[in-house]
PDB file of N, CA and C in Angstrom:
ATOM      1  N   MET A   1     171.805 207.267 267.523  1.00  0.00           N
ATOM      2  CA  MET A   1     171.313 208.588 267.175  1.00  0.00           C
ATOM      3  C   MET A   1     172.511 209.517 266.981  1.00  0.00           C
ATOM      4  N   THR A   2     172.497 210.292 265.925  1.00  0.00           N
ATOM      5  CA  THR A   2     173.536 211.277 265.669  1.00  0.00           C
ATOM      6  C   THR A   2     173.019 212.650 266.082  1.00  0.00           C
ATOM      7  N   PHE A   3     173.817 213.352 266.868  1.00  0.00           N
ATOM      8  CA  PHE A   3     173.450 214.684 267.351  1.00  0.00           C
ATOM      9  C   PHE A   3     174.169 215.749 266.531  1.00  0.00           C
ATOM     10  N   PRO A   4     173.561 216.916 266.350  1.00  0.00           N
ATOM     11  CA  PRO A   4     174.275 218.028 265.720  1.00  0.00           C
ATOM     12  C   PRO A   4     175.442 218.473 266.616  1.00  0.00           C
ATOM     13  N   LEU A   5     176.488 218.989 266.012  1.00  0.00           N
ATOM     14  CA  LEU A   5     177.604 219.507 266.804  1.00  0.00           C
ATOM     15  C   LEU A   5     177.140 220.678 267.656  1.00  0.00           C
ATOM     16  N   TYR A   6     177.794 220.860 268.783  1.00  0.00           N
ATOM     17  CA  TYR A   6     177.533 221.906 269.773  1.00  0.00           C
ATOM     18  C   TYR A   6     176.215 221.712 270.505  1.00  0.00           C
ATOM     19  N   THR A   7     175.719 220.480 270.474  1.00  0.00           N
ATOM     20  CA  THR A   7     174.551 220.110 271.262  1.00  0.00           C
ATOM     21  C   THR A   7     175.014 219.719 272.666  1.00  0.00           C
ATOM     22  N   ASP A   8     174.285 220.155 273.685  1.00  0.00           N
ATOM     23  CA  ASP A   8     174.537 219.707 275.055  1.00  0.00           C
ATOM     24  C   ASP A   8     173.795 218.400 275.276  1.00  0.00           C
ATOM     25  N   VAL A   9     174.487 217.420 275.853  1.00  0.00           N
ATOM     26  CA  VAL A   9     173.927 216.099 276.112  1.00  0.00           C
ATOM     27  C   VAL A   9     174.332 215.648 277.507  1.00  0.00           C
ATOM     28  N   ALA A  10     173.737 214.562 277.962  1.00  0.00           N
ATOM     29  CA  ALA A  10     174.107 213.962 279.242  1.00  0.00           C
ATOM     30  C   ALA A  10     174.809 212.636 278.987  1.00  0.00           C
ATOM     31  N   LEU A  11     175.717 212.295 279.865  1.00  0.00           N
ATOM     32  CA  LEU A  11     176.327 210.973 279.795  1.00  0.00           C
ATOM     33  C   LEU A  11     175.288 209.925 280.159  1.00  0.00           C
ATOM     34  N   ALA A  12     175.253 208.850 279.408  1.00  0.00           N
ATOM     35  CA  ALA A  12     174.303 207.766 279.656  1.00  0.00           C
ATOM     36  C   ALA A  12     174.891 206.693 280.566  1.00  0.00           C
ATOM     37  N   ARG A  13     176.181 206.784 280.864  1.00  0.00           N
ATOM     38  CA  ARG A  13     176.835 205.805 281.747  1.00  0.00           C
ATOM     39  C   ARG A  13     178.065 206.451 282.367  1.00  0.00           C
ATOM     40  N   ASP A  14     178.542 205.868 283.447  1.00  0.00           N
ATOM     41  CA  ASP A  14     179.765 206.342 284.090  1.00  0.00           C
ATOM     42  C   ASP A  14     180.954 206.100 283.168  1.00  0.00           C
ATOM     43  N   LEU A  15     181.902 207.027 283.197  1.00  0.00           N
ATOM     44  CA  LEU A  15     183.176 206.872 282.494  1.00  0.00           C
ATOM     45  C   LEU A  15     184.295 207.083 283.513  1.00  0.00           C
ATOM     46  N   PRO A  16     184.586 206.053 284.307  1.00  0.00           N
ATOM     47  CA  PRO A  16     185.554 206.225 285.391  1.00  0.00           C
ATOM     48  C   PRO A  16     186.951 206.614 284.920  1.00  0.00           C
ATOM     49  N   GLU A  17     187.299 206.260 283.682  1.00  0.00           N
ATOM     50  CA  GLU A  17     188.629 206.622 283.181  1.00  0.00           C
ATOM     51  C   GLU A  17     188.791 208.137 283.047  1.00  0.00           C
ATOM     52  N   TYR A  18     187.666 208.860 282.980  1.00  0.00           N
ATOM     53  CA  TYR A  18     187.677 210.325 282.925  1.00  0.00           C
ATOM     54  C   TYR A  18     187.137 210.953 284.210  1.00  0.00           C
ATOM     55  N   ARG A  19     186.793 210.131 285.209  1.00  0.00           N
ATOM     56  CA  ARG A  19     186.197 210.582 286.466  1.00  0.00           C
ATOM     57  C   ARG A  19     184.832 211.235 286.243  1.00  0.00           C
ATOM     58  N   LEU A  20     184.089 210.727 285.250  1.00  0.00           N
ATOM     59  CA  LEU A  20     182.773 211.261 284.931  1.00  0.00           C
ATOM     60  C   LEU A  20     181.693 210.268 285.315  1.00  0.00           C
ATOM     61  N   ARG A  21     180.510 210.799 285.606  1.00  0.00           N
ATOM     62  CA  ARG A  21     179.382 209.968 286.028  1.00  0.00           C
ATOM     63  C   ARG A  21     178.185 210.170 285.114  1.00  0.00           C
ATOM     64  N   ARG A  22     177.337 209.144 285.113  1.00  0.00           N
ATOM     65  CA  ARG A  22     176.086 209.226 284.356  1.00  0.00           C
ATOM     66  C   ARG A  22     175.367 210.514 284.736  1.00  0.00           C
ATOM     67  N   GLY A  23     174.888 211.236 283.742  1.00  0.00           N
ATOM     68  CA  GLY A  23     174.183 212.485 283.984  1.00  0.00           C
ATOM     69  C   GLY A  23     175.047 213.725 283.866  1.00  0.00           C
ATOM     70  N   ASP A  24     176.379 213.571 283.830  1.00  0.00           N
ATOM     71  CA  ASP A  24     177.241 214.746 283.664  1.00  0.00           C
ATOM     72  C   ASP A  24     176.969 215.395 282.310  1.00  0.00           C
ATOM     73  N   LEU A  25     177.122 216.704 282.267  1.00  0.00           N
ATOM     74  CA  LEU A  25     176.798 217.483 281.076  1.00  0.00           C
ATOM     75  C   LEU A  25     178.002 217.598 280.151  1.00  0.00           C
ATOM     76  N   LEU A  26     177.772 217.311 278.867  1.00  0.00           N
ATOM     77  CA  LEU A  26     178.808 217.413 277.832  1.00  0.00           C
ATOM     78  C   LEU A  26     178.288 218.261 276.687  1.00  0.00           C
ATOM     79  N   ARG A  27     179.216 218.890 275.964  1.00  0.00           N
ATOM     80  CA  ARG A  27     178.884 219.590 274.708  1.00  0.00           C
ATOM     81  C   ARG A  27     179.671 218.913 273.591  1.00  0.00           C
ATOM     82  N   LEU A  28     178.963 218.432 272.594  1.00  0.00           N
ATOM     83  CA  LEU A  28     179.588 217.698 271.495  1.00  0.00           C
ATOM     84  C   LEU A  28     180.256 218.678 270.533  1.00  0.00           C
ATOM     85  N   VAL A  29     181.542 218.470 270.265  1.00  0.00           N
ATOM     86  CA  VAL A  29     182.279 219.422 269.436  1.00  0.00           C
ATOM     87  C   VAL A  29     182.844 218.807 268.160  1.00  0.00           C
ATOM     88  N   GLU A  30     182.860 217.487 268.065  1.00  0.00           N
ATOM     89  CA  GLU A  30     183.322 216.838 266.840  1.00  0.00           C
ATOM     90  C   GLU A  30     182.727 215.443 266.758  1.00  0.00           C
ATOM     91  N   HIS A  31     182.334 215.051 265.564  1.00  0.00           N
ATOM     92  CA  HIS A  31     181.802 213.708 265.319  1.00  0.00           C
ATOM     93  C   HIS A  31     182.875 212.928 264.584  1.00  0.00           C
ATOM     94  N   HIS A  32     183.086 211.664 264.977  1.00  0.00           N
ATOM     95  CA  HIS A  32     184.072 210.849 264.278  1.00  0.00           C
ATOM     96  C   HIS A  32     183.634 209.396 264.250  1.00  0.00           C
ATOM     97  N   VAL A  33     184.244 208.651 263.367  1.00  0.00           N
ATOM     98  CA  VAL A  33     183.966 207.223 263.226  1.00  0.00           C
ATOM     99  C   VAL A  33     185.281 206.479 263.395  1.00  0.00           C
ATOM    100  N   ALA A  34     185.303 205.522 264.332  1.00  0.00           N
ATOM    101  CA  ALA A  34     186.505 204.715 264.585  1.00  0.00           C
ATOM    102  C   ALA A  34     186.731 203.740 263.428  1.00  0.00           C
ATOM    103  N   PRO A  35     187.942 203.231 263.301  1.00  0.00           N
ATOM    104  CA  PRO A  35     188.217 202.265 262.235  1.00  0.00           C
ATOM    105  C   PRO A  35     187.283 201.052 262.239  1.00  0.00           C
ATOM    106  N   ASP A  36     186.768 200.677 263.415  1.00  0.00           N
ATOM    107  CA  ASP A  36     185.847 199.534 263.491  1.00  0.00           C
ATOM    108  C   ASP A  36     184.412 199.925 263.140  1.00  0.00           C
ATOM    109  N   GLY A  37     184.188 201.196 262.778  1.00  0.00           N
ATOM    110  CA  GLY A  37     182.862 201.658 262.376  1.00  0.00           C
ATOM    111  C   GLY A  37     182.036 202.260 263.493  1.00  0.00           C
ATOM    112  N   GLU A  38     182.523 202.187 264.729  1.00  0.00           N
ATOM    113  CA  GLU A  38     181.758 202.751 265.848  1.00  0.00           C
ATOM    114  C   GLU A  38     181.803 204.275 265.804  1.00  0.00           C
ATOM    115  N   GLU A  39     180.626 204.887 265.931  1.00  0.00           N
ATOM    116  CA  GLU A  39     180.545 206.344 265.935  1.00  0.00           C
ATOM    117  C   GLU A  39     180.837 206.889 267.322  1.00  0.00           C
ATOM    118  N   GLY A  40     181.388 208.084 267.360  1.00  0.00           N
ATOM    119  CA  GLY A  40     181.685 208.721 268.626  1.00  0.00           C
ATOM    120  C   GLY A  40     181.827 210.216 268.463  1.00  0.00           C
ATOM    121  N   TYR A  41     182.166 210.860 269.568  1.00  0.00           N
ATOM    122  CA  TYR A  41     182.289 212.315 269.599  1.00  0.00           C
ATOM    123  C   TYR A  41     183.492 212.718 270.434  1.00  0.00           C
ATOM    124  N   SER A  42     184.038 213.867 270.106  1.00  0.00           N
ATOM    125  CA  SER A  42     184.872 214.602 271.034  1.00  0.00           C
ATOM    126  C   SER A  42     183.908 215.543 271.736  1.00  0.00           C
ATOM    127  N   ALA A  43     184.015 215.610 273.051  1.00  0.00           N
ATOM    128  CA  ALA A  43     183.040 216.374 273.824  1.00  0.00           C
ATOM    129  C   ALA A  43     183.730 217.170 274.916  1.00  0.00           C
ATOM    130  N   GLU A  44     183.247 218.383 275.122  1.00  0.00           N
ATOM    131  CA  GLU A  44     183.718 219.201 276.231  1.00  0.00           C
ATOM    132  C   GLU A  44     182.947 218.812 277.484  1.00  0.00           C
ATOM    133  N   VAL A  45     183.651 218.617 278.575  1.00  0.00           N
ATOM    134  CA  VAL A  45     183.028 218.414 279.879  1.00  0.00           C
ATOM    135  C   VAL A  45     182.770 219.807 280.435  1.00  0.00           C
ATOM    136  N   LEU A  46     181.503 220.107 280.721  1.00  0.00           N
ATOM    137  CA  LEU A  46     181.140 221.457 281.146  1.00  0.00           C
ATOM    138  C   LEU A  46     181.072 221.580 282.661  1.00  0.00           C
ATOM    139  N   GLY A  47     181.650 222.663 283.172  1.00  0.00           N
ATOM    140  CA  GLY A  47     181.589 222.967 284.586  1.00  0.00           C
ATOM    141  C   GLY A  47     180.300 223.694 284.930  1.00  0.00           C
ATOM    142  N   ALA A  48     180.082 223.926 286.208  1.00  0.00           N
ATOM    143  CA  ALA A  48     178.847 224.550 286.695  1.00  0.00           C
ATOM    144  C   ALA A  48     178.640 225.954 286.135  1.00  0.00           C
ATOM    145  N   LYS A  49     179.716 226.640 285.786  1.00  0.00           N
ATOM    146  CA  LYS A  49     179.610 227.996 285.243  1.00  0.00           C
ATOM    147  C   LYS A  49     179.708 228.012 283.723  1.00  0.00           C
ATOM    148  N   GLY A  50     179.621 226.836 283.100  1.00  0.00           N
ATOM    149  CA  GLY A  50     179.649 226.739 281.654  1.00  0.00           C
ATOM    150  C   GLY A  50     181.036 226.642 281.051  1.00  0.00           C
ATOM    151  N   GLN A  51     182.046 226.619 281.893  1.00  0.00           N
ATOM    152  CA  GLN A  51     183.420 226.556 281.415  1.00  0.00           C
ATOM    153  C   GLN A  51     183.793 225.124 281.003  1.00  0.00           C
ATOM    154  N   THR A  52     184.752 225.005 280.112  1.00  0.00           N
ATOM    155  CA  THR A  52     185.238 223.695 279.688  1.00  0.00           C
ATOM    156  C   THR A  52     186.247 223.192 280.714  1.00  0.00           C
ATOM    157  N   LEU A  53     185.979 222.021 281.298  1.00  0.00           N
ATOM    158  CA  LEU A  53     186.894 221.416 282.260  1.00  0.00           C
ATOM    159  C   LEU A  53     187.857 220.450 281.591  1.00  0.00           C
ATOM    160  N   ALA A  54     187.400 219.802 280.535  1.00  0.00           N
ATOM    161  CA  ALA A  54     188.218 218.815 279.828  1.00  0.00           C
ATOM    162  C   ALA A  54     187.561 218.535 278.485  1.00  0.00           C
ATOM    163  N   VAL A  55     188.325 217.919 277.595  1.00  0.00           N
ATOM    164  CA  VAL A  55     187.787 217.418 276.341  1.00  0.00           C
ATOM    165  C   VAL A  55     188.055 215.920 276.319  1.00  0.00           C
ATOM    166  N   VAL A  56     187.012 215.129 276.070  1.00  0.00           N
ATOM    167  CA  VAL A  56     187.122 213.670 276.112  1.00  0.00           C
ATOM    168  C   VAL A  56     186.522 213.076 274.840  1.00  0.00           C
ATOM    169  N   ALA A  57     186.896 211.846 274.556  1.00  0.00           N
ATOM    170  CA  ALA A  57     186.296 211.086 273.453  1.00  0.00           C
ATOM    171  C   ALA A  57     185.285 210.123 274.051  1.00  0.00           C
ATOM    172  N   VAL A  58     184.080 210.107 273.490  1.00  0.00           N
ATOM    173  CA  VAL A  58     183.025 209.219 273.981  1.00  0.00           C
ATOM    174  C   VAL A  58     182.340 208.535 272.806  1.00  0.00           C
ATOM    175  N   ALA A  59     181.897 207.316 273.042  1.00  0.00           N
ATOM    176  CA  ALA A  59     181.110 206.604 272.035  1.00  0.00           C
ATOM    177  C   ALA A  59     179.736 207.249 271.932  1.00  0.00           C
ATOM    178  N   ALA A  60     179.153 207.215 270.738  1.00  0.00           N
ATOM    179  CA  ALA A  60     177.822 207.794 270.543  1.00  0.00           C
ATOM    180  C   ALA A  60     176.794 207.144 271.466  1.00  0.00           C
ATOM    181  N   LYS A  61     176.951 205.859 271.743  1.00  0.00           N
ATOM    182  CA  LYS A  61     175.990 205.174 272.607  1.00  0.00           C
ATOM    183  C   LYS A  61     176.151 205.551 274.080  1.00  0.00           C
ATOM    184  N   ALA A  62     177.180 206.343 274.415  1.00  0.00           N
ATOM    185  CA  ALA A  62     177.410 206.747 275.801  1.00  0.00           C
ATOM    186  C   ALA A  62     176.799 208.096 276.132  1.00  0.00           C
ATOM    187  N   VAL A  63     176.087 208.707 275.164  1.00  0.00           N
ATOM    188  CA  VAL A  63     175.447 209.998 275.432  1.00  0.00           C
ATOM    189  C   VAL A  63     173.961 209.913 275.108  1.00  0.00           C
ATOM    190  N   GLU A  64     173.190 210.784 275.764  1.00  0.00           N
ATOM    191  CA  GLU A  64     171.757 210.815 275.529  1.00  0.00           C
ATOM    192  C   GLU A  64     171.270 212.254 275.531  1.00  0.00           C
ATOM    193  N   ALA A  65     170.167 212.480 274.859  1.00  0.00           N
ATOM    194  CA  ALA A  65     169.575 213.815 274.777  1.00  0.00           C
ATOM    195  C   ALA A  65     169.109 214.272 276.153  1.00  0.00           C
ATOM    196  N   LEU A  66     169.190 215.577 276.374  1.00  0.00           N
ATOM    197  CA  LEU A  66     168.610 216.149 277.585  1.00  0.00           C
ATOM    198  C   LEU A  66     167.095 216.145 277.434  1.00  0.00           C
ATOM    199  N   ARG A  67     166.395 215.961 278.559  1.00  0.00           N
ATOM    200  CA  ARG A  67     164.934 215.895 278.534  1.00  0.00           C
ATOM    201  C   ARG A  67     164.348 217.080 279.291  1.00  0.00           C
ATOM    202  N   ASP A  68     163.112 217.401 278.980  1.00  0.00           N
ATOM    203  CA  ASP A  68     162.432 218.527 279.622  1.00  0.00           C
ATOM    204  C   ASP A  68     162.157 218.294 281.105  1.00  0.00           C
ATOM    205  N   ASP A  69     162.106 217.036 281.544  1.00  0.00           N
ATOM    206  CA  ASP A  69     161.782 216.744 282.941  1.00  0.00           C
ATOM    207  C   ASP A  69     163.026 216.563 283.812  1.00  0.00           C
ATOM    208  N   GLU A  70     164.187 216.984 283.337  1.00  0.00           N
ATOM    209  CA  GLU A  70     165.429 216.830 284.100  1.00  0.00           C
ATOM    210  C   GLU A  70     165.859 218.174 284.682  1.00  0.00           C
ATOM    211  N   ILE A  71     166.605 218.116 285.786  1.00  0.00           N
ATOM    212  CA  ILE A  71     167.209 219.310 286.376  1.00  0.00           C
ATOM    213  C   ILE A  71     168.712 219.099 286.453  1.00  0.00           C
ATOM    214  N   LEU A  72     169.445 220.177 286.489  1.00  0.00           N
ATOM    215  CA  LEU A  72     170.898 220.114 286.639  1.00  0.00           C
ATOM    216  C   LEU A  72     171.263 220.103 288.110  1.00  0.00           C
ATOM    217  N   SER A  73     172.340 219.433 288.440  1.00  0.00           N
ATOM    218  CA  SER A  73     172.890 219.481 289.797  1.00  0.00           C
ATOM    219  C   SER A  73     174.403 219.630 289.657  1.00  0.00           C
ATOM    220  N   VAL A  74     175.062 219.934 290.747  1.00  0.00           N
ATOM    221  CA  VAL A  74     176.515 220.133 290.697  1.00  0.00           C
ATOM    222  C   VAL A  74     177.198 219.169 291.647  1.00  0.00           C
ATOM    223  N   ARG A  75     178.439 218.848 291.308  1.00  0.00           N
ATOM    224  CA  ARG A  75     179.289 218.025 292.154  1.00  0.00           C
ATOM    225  C   ARG A  75     180.731 218.391 291.817  1.00  0.00           C
ATOM    226  N   ALA A  76     181.613 218.143 292.742  1.00  0.00           N
ATOM    227  CA  ALA A  76     183.033 218.320 292.462  1.00  0.00           C
ATOM    228  C   ALA A  76     183.515 217.113 291.687  1.00  0.00           C
ATOM    229  N   ILE A  77     184.336 217.330 290.685  1.00  0.00           N
ATOM    230  CA  ILE A  77     184.873 216.205 289.919  1.00  0.00           C
ATOM    231  C   ILE A  77     185.864 215.473 290.813  1.00  0.00           C
ATOM    232  N   ALA A  78     185.729 214.178 290.884  1.00  0.00           N
ATOM    233  CA  ALA A  78     186.578 213.361 291.754  1.00  0.00           C
ATOM    234  C   ALA A  78     188.018 213.436 291.305  1.00  0.00           C
ATOM    235  N   VAL A  79     188.924 213.474 292.255  1.00  0.00           N
ATOM    236  CA  VAL A  79     190.362 213.508 291.952  1.00  0.00           C
ATOM    237  C   VAL A  79     190.956 212.138 292.120  1.00  0.00           C
TER     238      VAL A  79
END
């Protein structure tokens, strides 16, 4: 699924290389296609106050749409 830019999405799986967990909130800021044809995004990792904590590259299959039956929670990003 391709999302419009500046859409907020959730991670569909843990990304330990970025210290991120499934369910963390991202904002998609750029769409790109790798040389092997895999689609992906540059995404802002959003903090509890809406601030950008980091910008990461994620595969399109690693993000999912937010649903109406979900709630947000907070955690400290692991160091």
